[in-house]
N, C-alpha and C. Protein backbone atom coordinates (compact mmCIF):
# COMPACT_ATOMS: atom_id res chain seq x y z
N MET A 1 -36.30 -48.46 13.93
CA MET A 1 -35.64 -49.74 14.06
C MET A 1 -36.26 -50.75 13.09
N ILE A 2 -37.59 -50.73 12.94
CA ILE A 2 -38.25 -51.66 12.02
C ILE A 2 -37.77 -51.42 10.60
N MET A 3 -37.64 -50.14 10.19
CA MET A 3 -37.15 -49.83 8.84
C MET A 3 -35.74 -50.37 8.65
N ARG A 4 -34.89 -50.25 9.67
CA ARG A 4 -33.52 -50.75 9.58
C ARG A 4 -33.51 -52.27 9.42
N VAL A 5 -34.36 -52.97 10.18
CA VAL A 5 -34.44 -54.43 10.09
C VAL A 5 -34.90 -54.84 8.69
N LEU A 6 -35.92 -54.14 8.16
CA LEU A 6 -36.39 -54.46 6.81
C LEU A 6 -35.32 -54.19 5.76
N ALA A 7 -34.60 -53.08 5.89
CA ALA A 7 -33.54 -52.77 4.94
C ALA A 7 -32.42 -53.80 5.02
N ILE A 8 -32.10 -54.24 6.22
CA ILE A 8 -31.05 -55.25 6.39
C ILE A 8 -31.50 -56.56 5.76
N ALA A 9 -32.77 -56.94 5.96
CA ALA A 9 -33.28 -58.17 5.36
C ALA A 9 -33.21 -58.09 3.84
N LEU A 10 -33.58 -56.96 3.27
CA LEU A 10 -33.48 -56.77 1.82
C LEU A 10 -32.04 -56.84 1.37
N PHE A 11 -31.13 -56.20 2.12
CA PHE A 11 -29.71 -56.21 1.79
C PHE A 11 -29.18 -57.64 1.78
N VAL A 12 -29.49 -58.42 2.80
CA VAL A 12 -29.01 -59.80 2.89
C VAL A 12 -29.63 -60.65 1.79
N ALA A 13 -30.92 -60.47 1.52
CA ALA A 13 -31.60 -61.28 0.52
C ALA A 13 -31.09 -61.03 -0.89
N THR A 14 -30.61 -59.81 -1.16
CA THR A 14 -30.18 -59.48 -2.52
C THR A 14 -28.67 -59.46 -2.66
N ALA A 15 -27.94 -59.77 -1.62
CA ALA A 15 -26.48 -59.63 -1.63
C ALA A 15 -25.81 -60.47 -2.71
N GLY A 16 -26.39 -61.61 -3.07
CA GLY A 16 -25.75 -62.47 -4.06
C GLY A 16 -26.16 -62.19 -5.49
N LEU A 17 -27.06 -61.27 -5.70
CA LEU A 17 -27.54 -60.99 -7.05
C LEU A 17 -26.54 -60.16 -7.84
N PRO A 18 -26.47 -60.38 -9.18
CA PRO A 18 -25.50 -59.67 -10.01
C PRO A 18 -25.57 -58.15 -9.91
N CYS A 19 -26.75 -57.59 -9.72
CA CYS A 19 -26.86 -56.12 -9.67
C CYS A 19 -26.12 -55.55 -8.46
N ARG A 20 -25.78 -56.38 -7.49
CA ARG A 20 -25.05 -55.92 -6.31
C ARG A 20 -23.54 -55.95 -6.53
N ALA A 21 -23.11 -56.48 -7.66
CA ALA A 21 -21.68 -56.66 -7.91
C ALA A 21 -20.91 -55.35 -7.83
N GLN A 22 -21.53 -54.23 -8.23
CA GLN A 22 -20.84 -52.94 -8.17
C GLN A 22 -20.54 -52.54 -6.72
N GLN A 23 -21.33 -53.04 -5.78
CA GLN A 23 -21.17 -52.67 -4.37
C GLN A 23 -20.54 -53.83 -3.61
N PHE A 24 -19.47 -54.38 -4.16
CA PHE A 24 -18.86 -55.60 -3.64
C PHE A 24 -18.39 -55.49 -2.20
N GLU A 25 -18.19 -54.30 -1.69
CA GLU A 25 -17.74 -54.16 -0.31
C GLU A 25 -18.73 -53.35 0.53
N ASN A 26 -19.96 -53.33 0.12
CA ASN A 26 -20.98 -52.62 0.88
C ASN A 26 -21.16 -53.34 2.21
N LEU A 27 -20.96 -52.65 3.30
CA LEU A 27 -20.98 -53.27 4.62
C LEU A 27 -22.33 -53.19 5.32
N ALA A 28 -23.24 -52.38 4.81
CA ALA A 28 -24.57 -52.25 5.40
C ALA A 28 -25.43 -51.40 4.47
N PRO A 29 -26.74 -51.55 4.58
CA PRO A 29 -27.61 -50.67 3.80
C PRO A 29 -27.51 -49.24 4.35
N TYR A 30 -27.78 -48.26 3.49
CA TYR A 30 -27.74 -46.88 3.96
C TYR A 30 -29.05 -46.53 4.66
N ILE A 31 -28.95 -46.30 5.93
CA ILE A 31 -30.06 -45.79 6.73
C ILE A 31 -29.45 -44.72 7.63
N PRO A 32 -29.85 -43.46 7.44
CA PRO A 32 -29.25 -42.38 8.23
C PRO A 32 -29.42 -42.61 9.74
N THR A 33 -28.36 -42.40 10.48
CA THR A 33 -28.41 -42.49 11.94
C THR A 33 -29.26 -41.33 12.46
N PRO A 34 -30.27 -41.61 13.28
CA PRO A 34 -31.07 -40.52 13.84
C PRO A 34 -30.18 -39.53 14.59
N MET A 35 -30.47 -38.24 14.45
CA MET A 35 -29.63 -37.21 15.07
C MET A 35 -29.53 -37.37 16.58
N SER A 36 -30.58 -37.87 17.22
CA SER A 36 -30.50 -38.07 18.67
C SER A 36 -29.42 -39.11 18.99
N LEU A 37 -29.23 -40.10 18.13
CA LEU A 37 -28.17 -41.09 18.34
C LEU A 37 -26.80 -40.52 18.01
N VAL A 38 -26.74 -39.69 16.98
CA VAL A 38 -25.46 -39.07 16.59
C VAL A 38 -24.88 -38.33 17.79
N ASN A 39 -25.67 -37.47 18.39
CA ASN A 39 -25.19 -36.68 19.52
C ASN A 39 -24.80 -37.57 20.70
N THR A 40 -25.62 -38.57 20.98
CA THR A 40 -25.33 -39.47 22.10
C THR A 40 -24.06 -40.28 21.83
N MET A 41 -23.88 -40.75 20.59
CA MET A 41 -22.66 -41.50 20.24
C MET A 41 -21.41 -40.67 20.51
N LEU A 42 -21.45 -39.42 20.07
CA LEU A 42 -20.28 -38.55 20.22
C LEU A 42 -20.04 -38.18 21.69
N GLU A 43 -21.11 -37.90 22.41
CA GLU A 43 -20.98 -37.58 23.84
C GLU A 43 -20.46 -38.78 24.61
N TYR A 44 -21.01 -39.95 24.33
CA TYR A 44 -20.63 -41.15 25.06
C TYR A 44 -19.19 -41.57 24.77
N ALA A 45 -18.68 -41.18 23.60
CA ALA A 45 -17.28 -41.44 23.26
C ALA A 45 -16.36 -40.36 23.81
N THR A 46 -16.92 -39.41 24.52
CA THR A 46 -16.20 -38.27 25.10
C THR A 46 -15.34 -37.55 24.06
N VAL A 47 -15.95 -37.25 22.92
CA VAL A 47 -15.25 -36.54 21.84
C VAL A 47 -14.88 -35.14 22.32
N GLN A 48 -13.64 -34.74 22.01
CA GLN A 48 -13.11 -33.43 22.38
C GLN A 48 -12.52 -32.76 21.14
N SER A 49 -12.15 -31.51 21.27
CA SER A 49 -11.61 -30.76 20.13
C SER A 49 -10.29 -31.35 19.63
N SER A 50 -9.60 -32.09 20.46
CA SER A 50 -8.32 -32.69 20.04
C SER A 50 -8.51 -34.01 19.27
N ASP A 51 -9.74 -34.49 19.16
CA ASP A 51 -10.00 -35.78 18.52
C ASP A 51 -10.10 -35.68 17.00
N VAL A 52 -9.79 -36.80 16.38
CA VAL A 52 -10.01 -37.00 14.94
C VAL A 52 -11.01 -38.14 14.83
N VAL A 53 -12.21 -37.80 14.41
CA VAL A 53 -13.32 -38.76 14.35
C VAL A 53 -13.47 -39.28 12.93
N TYR A 54 -13.37 -40.59 12.77
CA TYR A 54 -13.62 -41.25 11.48
C TYR A 54 -14.98 -41.91 11.57
N ASP A 55 -15.82 -41.70 10.58
CA ASP A 55 -17.12 -42.38 10.52
C ASP A 55 -17.08 -43.32 9.33
N LEU A 56 -17.19 -44.62 9.58
CA LEU A 56 -17.12 -45.63 8.53
C LEU A 56 -18.53 -45.90 8.02
N GLY A 57 -18.73 -45.63 6.73
CA GLY A 57 -20.06 -45.68 6.15
C GLY A 57 -20.80 -44.41 6.52
N SER A 58 -20.17 -43.28 6.21
CA SER A 58 -20.62 -41.97 6.72
C SER A 58 -21.87 -41.41 6.06
N GLY A 59 -22.33 -42.00 4.97
CA GLY A 59 -23.56 -41.52 4.36
C GLY A 59 -23.50 -40.04 4.04
N ASP A 60 -24.44 -39.29 4.60
CA ASP A 60 -24.52 -37.84 4.32
C ASP A 60 -23.58 -37.01 5.19
N GLY A 61 -22.75 -37.66 5.99
CA GLY A 61 -21.74 -36.94 6.76
C GLY A 61 -22.19 -36.40 8.10
N ARG A 62 -23.38 -36.74 8.52
CA ARG A 62 -23.95 -36.12 9.72
C ARG A 62 -23.10 -36.32 10.98
N ILE A 63 -22.44 -37.47 11.13
CA ILE A 63 -21.66 -37.71 12.35
C ILE A 63 -20.40 -36.85 12.38
N VAL A 64 -19.65 -36.82 11.27
CA VAL A 64 -18.42 -36.02 11.27
C VAL A 64 -18.72 -34.52 11.28
N ILE A 65 -19.84 -34.13 10.69
CA ILE A 65 -20.26 -32.73 10.75
C ILE A 65 -20.60 -32.35 12.18
N ALA A 66 -21.35 -33.20 12.87
CA ALA A 66 -21.70 -32.92 14.27
C ALA A 66 -20.45 -32.91 15.15
N ALA A 67 -19.50 -33.81 14.88
CA ALA A 67 -18.26 -33.83 15.67
C ALA A 67 -17.51 -32.51 15.53
N ALA A 68 -17.51 -31.95 14.33
CA ALA A 68 -16.83 -30.67 14.09
C ALA A 68 -17.61 -29.51 14.69
N GLN A 69 -18.92 -29.47 14.45
CA GLN A 69 -19.73 -28.36 14.92
C GLN A 69 -19.86 -28.29 16.44
N LYS A 70 -20.17 -29.41 17.05
CA LYS A 70 -20.49 -29.42 18.48
C LYS A 70 -19.30 -29.64 19.40
N PHE A 71 -18.26 -30.30 18.88
CA PHE A 71 -17.14 -30.66 19.74
C PHE A 71 -15.82 -30.04 19.27
N GLY A 72 -15.81 -29.42 18.10
CA GLY A 72 -14.59 -28.82 17.57
C GLY A 72 -13.58 -29.83 17.07
N ALA A 73 -14.00 -31.08 16.95
CA ALA A 73 -13.10 -32.15 16.49
C ALA A 73 -12.90 -32.07 14.98
N ARG A 74 -11.90 -32.77 14.48
CA ARG A 74 -11.74 -32.96 13.05
C ARG A 74 -12.49 -34.23 12.69
N GLY A 75 -13.02 -34.29 11.48
CA GLY A 75 -13.79 -35.46 11.08
C GLY A 75 -13.41 -35.94 9.69
N VAL A 76 -13.44 -37.24 9.52
CA VAL A 76 -13.23 -37.87 8.21
C VAL A 76 -14.35 -38.86 8.00
N GLY A 77 -15.15 -38.61 7.00
CA GLY A 77 -16.23 -39.53 6.63
C GLY A 77 -15.74 -40.44 5.52
N VAL A 78 -15.97 -41.73 5.64
CA VAL A 78 -15.58 -42.69 4.62
C VAL A 78 -16.86 -43.32 4.08
N GLU A 79 -17.11 -43.10 2.81
CA GLU A 79 -18.37 -43.55 2.18
C GLU A 79 -18.09 -44.05 0.77
N MET A 80 -18.72 -45.16 0.40
CA MET A 80 -18.52 -45.75 -0.93
C MET A 80 -19.41 -45.13 -2.00
N VAL A 81 -20.60 -44.70 -1.65
CA VAL A 81 -21.59 -44.27 -2.63
C VAL A 81 -21.29 -42.83 -3.07
N PRO A 82 -20.97 -42.65 -4.36
CA PRO A 82 -20.59 -41.31 -4.85
C PRO A 82 -21.63 -40.23 -4.57
N GLU A 83 -22.90 -40.53 -4.74
CA GLU A 83 -23.94 -39.53 -4.53
C GLU A 83 -23.98 -39.08 -3.07
N LEU A 84 -23.82 -40.01 -2.14
CA LEU A 84 -23.79 -39.65 -0.72
C LEU A 84 -22.55 -38.82 -0.40
N CYS A 85 -21.42 -39.14 -1.03
CA CYS A 85 -20.20 -38.33 -0.84
C CYS A 85 -20.43 -36.90 -1.31
N ARG A 86 -21.05 -36.75 -2.47
CA ARG A 86 -21.32 -35.40 -3.00
C ARG A 86 -22.26 -34.64 -2.07
N THR A 87 -23.28 -35.32 -1.56
CA THR A 87 -24.22 -34.68 -0.62
C THR A 87 -23.48 -34.22 0.64
N ALA A 88 -22.63 -35.09 1.18
CA ALA A 88 -21.88 -34.74 2.39
C ALA A 88 -20.92 -33.58 2.12
N GLU A 89 -20.20 -33.64 1.01
CA GLU A 89 -19.25 -32.56 0.67
C GLU A 89 -19.98 -31.24 0.49
N ARG A 90 -21.13 -31.26 -0.14
CA ARG A 90 -21.93 -30.04 -0.33
C ARG A 90 -22.33 -29.46 1.03
N ARG A 91 -22.76 -30.32 1.94
CA ARG A 91 -23.16 -29.88 3.29
C ARG A 91 -21.97 -29.30 4.06
N VAL A 92 -20.82 -29.94 3.94
CA VAL A 92 -19.60 -29.45 4.59
C VAL A 92 -19.27 -28.05 4.09
N ARG A 93 -19.35 -27.84 2.76
CA ARG A 93 -19.07 -26.51 2.18
C ARG A 93 -20.09 -25.49 2.66
N GLU A 94 -21.39 -25.86 2.64
CA GLU A 94 -22.44 -24.93 3.08
C GLU A 94 -22.21 -24.46 4.52
N LEU A 95 -21.69 -25.35 5.35
CA LEU A 95 -21.47 -25.03 6.76
C LEU A 95 -20.10 -24.42 7.02
N GLY A 96 -19.27 -24.33 5.97
CA GLY A 96 -17.94 -23.75 6.11
C GLY A 96 -17.00 -24.60 6.95
N LEU A 97 -17.15 -25.91 6.87
CA LEU A 97 -16.34 -26.81 7.70
C LEU A 97 -15.22 -27.50 6.93
N GLN A 98 -14.86 -26.98 5.75
CA GLN A 98 -13.84 -27.63 4.92
C GLN A 98 -12.51 -27.80 5.63
N ASP A 99 -12.20 -26.93 6.58
CA ASP A 99 -10.93 -27.04 7.31
C ASP A 99 -10.99 -28.08 8.43
N ARG A 100 -12.19 -28.60 8.74
CA ARG A 100 -12.35 -29.55 9.85
C ARG A 100 -12.89 -30.91 9.41
N VAL A 101 -13.54 -30.97 8.25
CA VAL A 101 -14.19 -32.21 7.82
C VAL A 101 -13.76 -32.57 6.40
N THR A 102 -13.40 -33.82 6.22
CA THR A 102 -13.04 -34.37 4.92
C THR A 102 -13.92 -35.58 4.64
N ILE A 103 -14.39 -35.68 3.42
CA ILE A 103 -15.17 -36.84 3.00
C ILE A 103 -14.33 -37.62 2.00
N VAL A 104 -14.16 -38.91 2.26
CA VAL A 104 -13.35 -39.78 1.42
C VAL A 104 -14.28 -40.79 0.76
N GLN A 105 -14.25 -40.83 -0.57
CA GLN A 105 -15.02 -41.86 -1.26
C GLN A 105 -14.17 -43.12 -1.34
N GLY A 106 -14.63 -44.17 -0.69
CA GLY A 106 -13.88 -45.41 -0.70
C GLY A 106 -14.44 -46.39 0.31
N SER A 107 -13.78 -47.51 0.40
CA SER A 107 -14.22 -48.59 1.28
C SER A 107 -13.60 -48.46 2.66
N ALA A 108 -14.42 -48.69 3.67
CA ALA A 108 -13.93 -48.71 5.04
C ALA A 108 -12.91 -49.82 5.25
N LEU A 109 -12.93 -50.81 4.38
CA LEU A 109 -11.99 -51.93 4.49
C LEU A 109 -10.60 -51.58 3.96
N HIS A 110 -10.47 -50.41 3.32
CA HIS A 110 -9.20 -50.03 2.70
C HIS A 110 -8.75 -48.62 3.06
N VAL A 111 -9.14 -48.14 4.22
CA VAL A 111 -8.76 -46.79 4.62
C VAL A 111 -7.74 -46.86 5.76
N ASP A 112 -6.80 -45.94 5.74
CA ASP A 112 -5.80 -45.85 6.81
C ASP A 112 -6.45 -45.13 7.99
N LEU A 113 -6.67 -45.85 9.06
CA LEU A 113 -7.31 -45.28 10.24
C LEU A 113 -6.32 -44.77 11.28
N SER A 114 -5.03 -44.79 10.96
CA SER A 114 -4.03 -44.44 11.97
C SER A 114 -4.19 -43.03 12.57
N PRO A 115 -4.73 -42.03 11.84
CA PRO A 115 -4.92 -40.72 12.49
C PRO A 115 -6.11 -40.69 13.46
N ALA A 116 -6.99 -41.68 13.40
CA ALA A 116 -8.24 -41.66 14.17
C ALA A 116 -8.00 -41.83 15.67
N THR A 117 -8.71 -41.03 16.45
CA THR A 117 -8.77 -41.23 17.89
C THR A 117 -10.15 -41.75 18.29
N VAL A 118 -11.12 -41.55 17.40
CA VAL A 118 -12.48 -42.07 17.58
C VAL A 118 -12.95 -42.59 16.23
N VAL A 119 -13.53 -43.80 16.23
CA VAL A 119 -14.13 -44.36 15.02
C VAL A 119 -15.58 -44.67 15.35
N THR A 120 -16.50 -44.16 14.51
CA THR A 120 -17.91 -44.45 14.71
C THR A 120 -18.39 -45.31 13.56
N MET A 121 -19.38 -46.17 13.86
CA MET A 121 -19.95 -47.01 12.82
C MET A 121 -21.33 -47.50 13.24
N TYR A 122 -22.17 -47.64 12.25
CA TYR A 122 -23.52 -48.18 12.43
C TYR A 122 -23.67 -49.22 11.34
N LEU A 123 -22.97 -50.33 11.52
CA LEU A 123 -22.88 -51.38 10.52
C LEU A 123 -23.41 -52.68 11.12
N LEU A 124 -23.44 -53.72 10.32
CA LEU A 124 -23.89 -55.02 10.80
C LEU A 124 -22.79 -55.70 11.61
N THR A 125 -23.17 -56.65 12.46
CA THR A 125 -22.18 -57.38 13.25
C THR A 125 -21.17 -58.07 12.34
N SER A 126 -21.63 -58.64 11.23
CA SER A 126 -20.71 -59.31 10.30
C SER A 126 -19.73 -58.32 9.69
N SER A 127 -20.16 -57.10 9.45
CA SER A 127 -19.27 -56.06 8.92
C SER A 127 -18.27 -55.64 9.99
N ASN A 128 -18.74 -55.50 11.23
CA ASN A 128 -17.84 -55.17 12.34
C ASN A 128 -16.75 -56.23 12.47
N GLU A 129 -17.13 -57.49 12.26
CA GLU A 129 -16.16 -58.59 12.32
C GLU A 129 -15.09 -58.43 11.25
N ARG A 130 -15.49 -58.01 10.05
CA ARG A 130 -14.53 -57.78 8.96
C ARG A 130 -13.62 -56.60 9.26
N LEU A 131 -14.12 -55.62 9.98
CA LEU A 131 -13.34 -54.42 10.30
C LEU A 131 -12.43 -54.59 11.51
N LYS A 132 -12.73 -55.55 12.36
CA LYS A 132 -11.98 -55.73 13.61
C LYS A 132 -10.47 -55.81 13.40
N PRO A 133 -9.94 -56.61 12.45
CA PRO A 133 -8.48 -56.63 12.29
C PRO A 133 -7.91 -55.29 11.80
N ILE A 134 -8.70 -54.54 11.05
CA ILE A 134 -8.26 -53.22 10.57
C ILE A 134 -8.19 -52.25 11.75
N LEU A 135 -9.19 -52.29 12.60
CA LEU A 135 -9.20 -51.44 13.80
C LEU A 135 -8.02 -51.80 14.69
N ASP A 136 -7.79 -53.09 14.88
CA ASP A 136 -6.65 -53.55 15.69
C ASP A 136 -5.32 -53.07 15.12
N ARG A 137 -5.20 -53.12 13.81
CA ARG A 137 -3.94 -52.77 13.14
C ARG A 137 -3.65 -51.27 13.23
N TYR A 138 -4.64 -50.43 13.01
CA TYR A 138 -4.38 -48.99 12.86
C TYR A 138 -4.54 -48.16 14.12
N LEU A 139 -5.45 -48.54 15.01
CA LEU A 139 -5.77 -47.66 16.13
C LEU A 139 -4.78 -47.82 17.28
N LYS A 140 -4.45 -46.70 17.87
CA LYS A 140 -3.50 -46.66 18.98
C LYS A 140 -4.25 -46.90 20.30
N PRO A 141 -3.55 -47.36 21.33
CA PRO A 141 -4.18 -47.51 22.64
C PRO A 141 -4.85 -46.20 23.07
N GLY A 142 -6.05 -46.33 23.60
CA GLY A 142 -6.82 -45.16 24.03
C GLY A 142 -7.83 -44.69 23.00
N ALA A 143 -7.66 -45.07 21.74
CA ALA A 143 -8.65 -44.71 20.72
C ALA A 143 -9.98 -45.38 21.06
N ARG A 144 -11.08 -44.71 20.75
CA ARG A 144 -12.39 -45.27 21.03
C ARG A 144 -13.10 -45.66 19.75
N VAL A 145 -13.81 -46.77 19.82
CA VAL A 145 -14.64 -47.25 18.71
C VAL A 145 -16.07 -47.27 19.22
N VAL A 146 -16.95 -46.61 18.49
CA VAL A 146 -18.36 -46.54 18.88
C VAL A 146 -19.18 -47.26 17.83
N SER A 147 -19.90 -48.28 18.24
CA SER A 147 -20.75 -49.04 17.34
C SER A 147 -22.18 -48.98 17.86
N THR A 148 -23.09 -48.62 16.99
CA THR A 148 -24.49 -48.52 17.38
C THR A 148 -25.23 -49.78 16.97
N ASP A 149 -25.93 -50.36 17.92
CA ASP A 149 -26.80 -51.52 17.79
C ASP A 149 -26.09 -52.85 17.55
N TYR A 150 -24.93 -52.84 16.93
CA TYR A 150 -24.26 -54.08 16.58
C TYR A 150 -22.90 -54.16 17.26
N PRO A 151 -22.69 -55.19 18.11
CA PRO A 151 -21.43 -55.30 18.85
C PRO A 151 -20.28 -55.74 17.96
N ILE A 152 -19.09 -55.60 18.48
CA ILE A 152 -17.89 -56.16 17.85
C ILE A 152 -17.61 -57.46 18.60
N THR A 153 -17.92 -58.56 17.94
CA THR A 153 -17.81 -59.88 18.56
C THR A 153 -16.40 -60.12 19.10
N GLY A 154 -16.34 -60.58 20.34
CA GLY A 154 -15.05 -60.88 20.96
C GLY A 154 -14.42 -59.72 21.69
N TRP A 155 -14.93 -58.52 21.47
CA TRP A 155 -14.43 -57.35 22.19
C TRP A 155 -15.37 -57.06 23.36
N LYS A 156 -14.79 -56.58 24.44
CA LYS A 156 -15.56 -56.22 25.62
C LYS A 156 -15.74 -54.70 25.64
N PRO A 157 -16.98 -54.21 25.60
CA PRO A 157 -17.17 -52.76 25.62
C PRO A 157 -16.75 -52.17 26.97
N THR A 158 -16.16 -50.99 26.91
CA THR A 158 -15.83 -50.29 28.15
C THR A 158 -17.05 -49.53 28.66
N ARG A 159 -17.98 -49.24 27.73
CA ARG A 159 -19.23 -48.58 28.08
C ARG A 159 -20.32 -49.12 27.18
N LEU A 160 -21.52 -49.23 27.72
CA LEU A 160 -22.69 -49.66 26.97
C LEU A 160 -23.86 -48.82 27.43
N LYS A 161 -24.55 -48.23 26.47
CA LYS A 161 -25.67 -47.35 26.83
C LYS A 161 -26.89 -47.72 26.00
N MET A 162 -28.02 -47.79 26.66
CA MET A 162 -29.30 -47.99 25.99
C MET A 162 -29.91 -46.61 25.75
N VAL A 163 -30.38 -46.37 24.52
CA VAL A 163 -30.94 -45.07 24.16
C VAL A 163 -32.29 -45.29 23.49
N LYS A 164 -33.29 -44.56 23.95
CA LYS A 164 -34.60 -44.61 23.30
C LYS A 164 -34.67 -43.49 22.27
N ASP A 165 -35.18 -43.84 21.10
CA ASP A 165 -35.42 -42.86 20.04
C ASP A 165 -36.84 -43.12 19.56
N GLY A 166 -37.78 -42.36 20.11
CA GLY A 166 -39.18 -42.64 19.84
C GLY A 166 -39.53 -43.98 20.46
N SER A 167 -40.09 -44.89 19.65
CA SER A 167 -40.44 -46.21 20.17
C SER A 167 -39.30 -47.21 20.04
N ALA A 168 -38.23 -46.82 19.35
CA ALA A 168 -37.09 -47.72 19.15
C ALA A 168 -36.09 -47.59 20.30
N GLU A 169 -35.45 -48.70 20.60
CA GLU A 169 -34.39 -48.70 21.61
C GLU A 169 -33.10 -49.13 20.93
N HIS A 170 -32.04 -48.39 21.18
CA HIS A 170 -30.74 -48.66 20.55
C HIS A 170 -29.69 -48.91 21.62
N LYS A 171 -28.66 -49.66 21.24
CA LYS A 171 -27.51 -49.87 22.12
C LYS A 171 -26.32 -49.16 21.50
N ILE A 172 -25.60 -48.44 22.34
CA ILE A 172 -24.36 -47.80 21.90
C ILE A 172 -23.22 -48.48 22.65
N TYR A 173 -22.35 -49.13 21.88
CA TYR A 173 -21.19 -49.81 22.44
C TYR A 173 -19.98 -48.91 22.26
N VAL A 174 -19.23 -48.68 23.33
CA VAL A 174 -17.98 -47.94 23.23
C VAL A 174 -16.86 -48.89 23.66
N TYR A 175 -15.89 -49.02 22.77
CA TYR A 175 -14.72 -49.86 23.03
C TYR A 175 -13.50 -48.95 23.09
N GLU A 176 -12.59 -49.23 23.98
CA GLU A 176 -11.34 -48.49 24.04
C GLU A 176 -10.21 -49.43 23.69
N ILE A 177 -9.44 -49.04 22.67
CA ILE A 177 -8.32 -49.88 22.23
C ILE A 177 -7.35 -50.03 23.40
N GLY A 178 -6.95 -51.25 23.62
CA GLY A 178 -6.12 -51.57 24.77
C GLY A 178 -6.93 -52.18 25.91
N HIS A 179 -8.28 -52.05 25.81
CA HIS A 179 -9.16 -52.58 26.85
C HIS A 179 -10.30 -53.38 26.22
N THR A 180 -10.07 -53.97 25.05
CA THR A 180 -11.15 -54.67 24.34
C THR A 180 -11.23 -56.15 24.67
N LYS A 181 -10.22 -56.69 25.31
CA LYS A 181 -10.20 -58.15 25.59
C LYS A 181 -10.66 -58.44 26.99
């Protein structure tokens, strides 16, 4: 958690500098979600084989890979950083999950989420605020949104879970479309 706070502080402090211009829609610094949280996020969202899980800011693809491997779900990772996309795609191929997992290089702010039944994210509250109208527009009633550590302001979680990971404590917010107000 301390590393995430430091990375966020660095991200915020440098956000206005010209070298950040290439990452104009970067919604959070890249910090891999601990695997213990990945599994808990997916379990708490009650992911099933019939689900299509989108991970916004998917990094190395660990969440959509776990959704496919452990729950039989389909997964779509959305990531802006080309190197992270290549890493995720390589891992998907190594595991033989090409028929269940797709990695999309692009912005979470410009992706069609209409196929999603579950959306996971580990982004900043300000980023969640930017995504809220997109989630409202694309997701059907009953779809679940799982946000780790950072709430979606104005939405009421249907489930909230505290999770310890070593000395860090995390919050997992689960929202169900149609029950967010």
